[in-house]
Amino acid sequence: MKEILEIIILNLVDDKEKVAITSKEDEKSITLEVKVAETDMGRIIGKQGRVAKAIRTVMKSLAVKEHKKVNVEFVD
């Protein structure tokens, strides 16, 4: 699941070197923290958070297959 999120994020940003995704996994949930360059943060969040919401929706639909909950956090 982390790999799919990484593909999505890398296609959105300009500075691919500064993308870092960390994963914390419990029995029933996964927390994915996304760090990107400060200049790319606006691209990831989008106008009124629409891109971020779309990314979270895609990840939640993938997590249903694994019977887990996923939380995607965008960190400065």
C-alpha atoms as a PDB file:
ATOM      1  CA  MET A   1       0.000   0.000   0.000  1.00  0.00           C
ATOM      2  CA  LYS A   2       2.909   2.327   0.743  1.00  0.00           C
ATOM      3  CA  GLU A   3       4.232   1.712  -2.760  1.00  0.00           C
ATOM      4  CA  ILE A   4       0.981   2.808  -4.396  1.00  0.00           C
ATOM      5  CA  LEU A   5       0.905   6.012  -2.354  1.00  0.00           C
ATOM      6  CA  GLU A   6       4.521   6.662  -3.314  1.00  0.00           C
ATOM      7  CA  ILE A   7       3.682   6.339  -7.021  1.00  0.00           C
ATOM      8  CA  ILE A   8       0.795   8.798  -6.671  1.00  0.00           C
ATOM      9  CA  ILE A   9       2.874  11.344  -4.745  1.00  0.00           C
ATOM     10  CA  LEU A  10       5.906  11.101  -7.038  1.00  0.00           C
ATOM     11  CA  ASN A  11       3.729  11.897 -10.048  1.00  0.00           C
ATOM     12  CA  LEU A  12       2.432  15.060  -8.372  1.00  0.00           C
ATOM     13  CA  VAL A  13       5.623  16.676  -7.097  1.00  0.00           C
ATOM     14  CA  ASP A  14       8.561  18.405  -8.798  1.00  0.00           C
ATOM     15  CA  ASP A  15      11.236  17.622  -6.184  1.00  0.00           C
ATOM     16  CA  LYS A  16      11.114  13.818  -6.097  1.00  0.00           C
ATOM     17  CA  GLU A  17      14.253  13.642  -3.931  1.00  0.00           C
ATOM     18  CA  LYS A  18      12.514  15.081  -0.862  1.00  0.00           C
ATOM     19  CA  VAL A  19       9.557  12.687  -0.818  1.00  0.00           C
ATOM     20  CA  ALA A  20       9.516  10.535   2.311  1.00  0.00           C
ATOM     21  CA  ILE A  21       6.704   8.204   3.300  1.00  0.00           C
ATOM     22  CA  THR A  22       6.719   6.436   6.647  1.00  0.00           C
ATOM     23  CA  SER A  23       4.326   3.695   7.629  1.00  0.00           C
ATOM     24  CA  LYS A  24       3.095   2.746  11.090  1.00  0.00           C
ATOM     25  CA  GLU A  25       1.032  -0.413  11.214  1.00  0.00           C
ATOM     26  CA  ASP A  26      -1.258  -1.776  13.919  1.00  0.00           C
ATOM     27  CA  GLU A  27      -3.495  -4.835  13.850  1.00  0.00           C
ATOM     28  CA  LYS A  28      -6.409  -2.996  12.269  1.00  0.00           C
ATOM     29  CA  SER A  29      -4.986   0.281  10.993  1.00  0.00           C
ATOM     30  CA  ILE A  30      -2.180   1.766   8.956  1.00  0.00           C
ATOM     31  CA  THR A  31      -0.902   5.336   9.315  1.00  0.00           C
ATOM     32  CA  LEU A  32       1.029   6.741   6.382  1.00  0.00           C
ATOM     33  CA  GLU A  33       2.933   9.996   6.895  1.00  0.00           C
ATOM     34  CA  VAL A  34       3.900  11.892   3.762  1.00  0.00           C
ATOM     35  CA  LYS A  35       6.688  14.472   3.778  1.00  0.00           C
ATOM     36  CA  VAL A  36       7.438  16.514   0.660  1.00  0.00           C
ATOM     37  CA  ALA A  37       9.350  19.690  -0.131  1.00  0.00           C
ATOM     38  CA  GLU A  38       7.679  22.856   1.122  1.00  0.00           C
ATOM     39  CA  THR A  39       7.206  24.084  -2.454  1.00  0.00           C
ATOM     40  CA  ASP A  40       5.321  20.904  -3.387  1.00  0.00           C
ATOM     41  CA  MET A  41       2.977  20.868  -0.400  1.00  0.00           C
ATOM     42  CA  GLY A  42       0.434  23.016  -2.234  1.00  0.00           C
ATOM     43  CA  ARG A  43       0.309  20.547  -5.102  1.00  0.00           C
ATOM     44  CA  ILE A  44      -0.321  17.653  -2.753  1.00  0.00           C
ATOM     45  CA  ILE A  45      -3.079  19.397  -0.823  1.00  0.00           C
ATOM     46  CA  GLY A  46      -4.709  21.101  -3.814  1.00  0.00           C
ATOM     47  CA  LYS A  47      -7.357  23.798  -3.852  1.00  0.00           C
ATOM     48  CA  GLN A  48      -9.493  23.488  -0.728  1.00  0.00           C
ATOM     49  CA  GLY A  49      -7.844  20.119   0.003  1.00  0.00           C
ATOM     50  CA  ARG A  50      -9.381  18.333  -2.978  1.00  0.00           C
ATOM     51  CA  VAL A  51      -6.229  16.477  -4.063  1.00  0.00           C
ATOM     52  CA  ALA A  52      -5.485  15.366  -0.497  1.00  0.00           C
ATOM     53  CA  LYS A  53      -9.063  14.170  -0.094  1.00  0.00           C
ATOM     54  CA  ALA A  54      -8.837  12.218  -3.363  1.00  0.00           C
ATOM     55  CA  ILE A  55      -5.577  10.574  -2.267  1.00  0.00           C
ATOM     56  CA  ARG A  56      -7.158   9.577   1.053  1.00  0.00           C
ATOM     57  CA  THR A  57     -10.208   8.160  -0.757  1.00  0.00           C
ATOM     58  CA  VAL A  58      -8.057   6.008  -3.052  1.00  0.00           C
ATOM     59  CA  MET A  59      -6.001   4.714  -0.131  1.00  0.00           C
ATOM     60  CA  LYS A  60      -9.114   3.913   1.925  1.00  0.00           C
ATOM     61  CA  SER A  61     -10.597   1.935  -0.940  1.00  0.00           C
ATOM     62  CA  LEU A  62      -7.366  -0.088  -1.185  1.00  0.00           C
ATOM     63  CA  ALA A  63      -7.340  -0.711   2.563  1.00  0.00           C
ATOM     64  CA  VAL A  64     -10.819  -2.244   2.460  1.00  0.00           C
ATOM     65  CA  LYS A  65      -9.373  -5.199   0.547  1.00  0.00           C
ATOM     66  CA  GLU A  66      -6.993  -5.848   3.442  1.00  0.00           C
ATOM     67  CA  HIS A  67      -9.735  -5.286   6.060  1.00  0.00           C
ATOM     68  CA  LYS A  68      -7.824  -2.398   7.624  1.00  0.00           C
ATOM     69  CA  LYS A  69      -8.310   1.314   8.145  1.00  0.00           C
ATOM     70  CA  VAL A  70      -5.821   3.715   6.649  1.00  0.00           C
ATOM     71  CA  ASN A  71      -4.945   7.240   7.700  1.00  0.00           C
ATOM     72  CA  VAL A  72      -2.872   9.449   5.390  1.00  0.00           C
ATOM     73  CA  GLU A  73      -1.210  12.449   7.069  1.00  0.00           C
ATOM     74  CA  PHE A  74       0.648  15.202   5.240  1.00  0.00           C
ATOM     75  CA  VAL A  75       3.482  16.474   7.446  1.00  0.00           C
ATOM     76  CA  ASP A  76       5.473  19.683   7.026  1.00  0.00           C
END
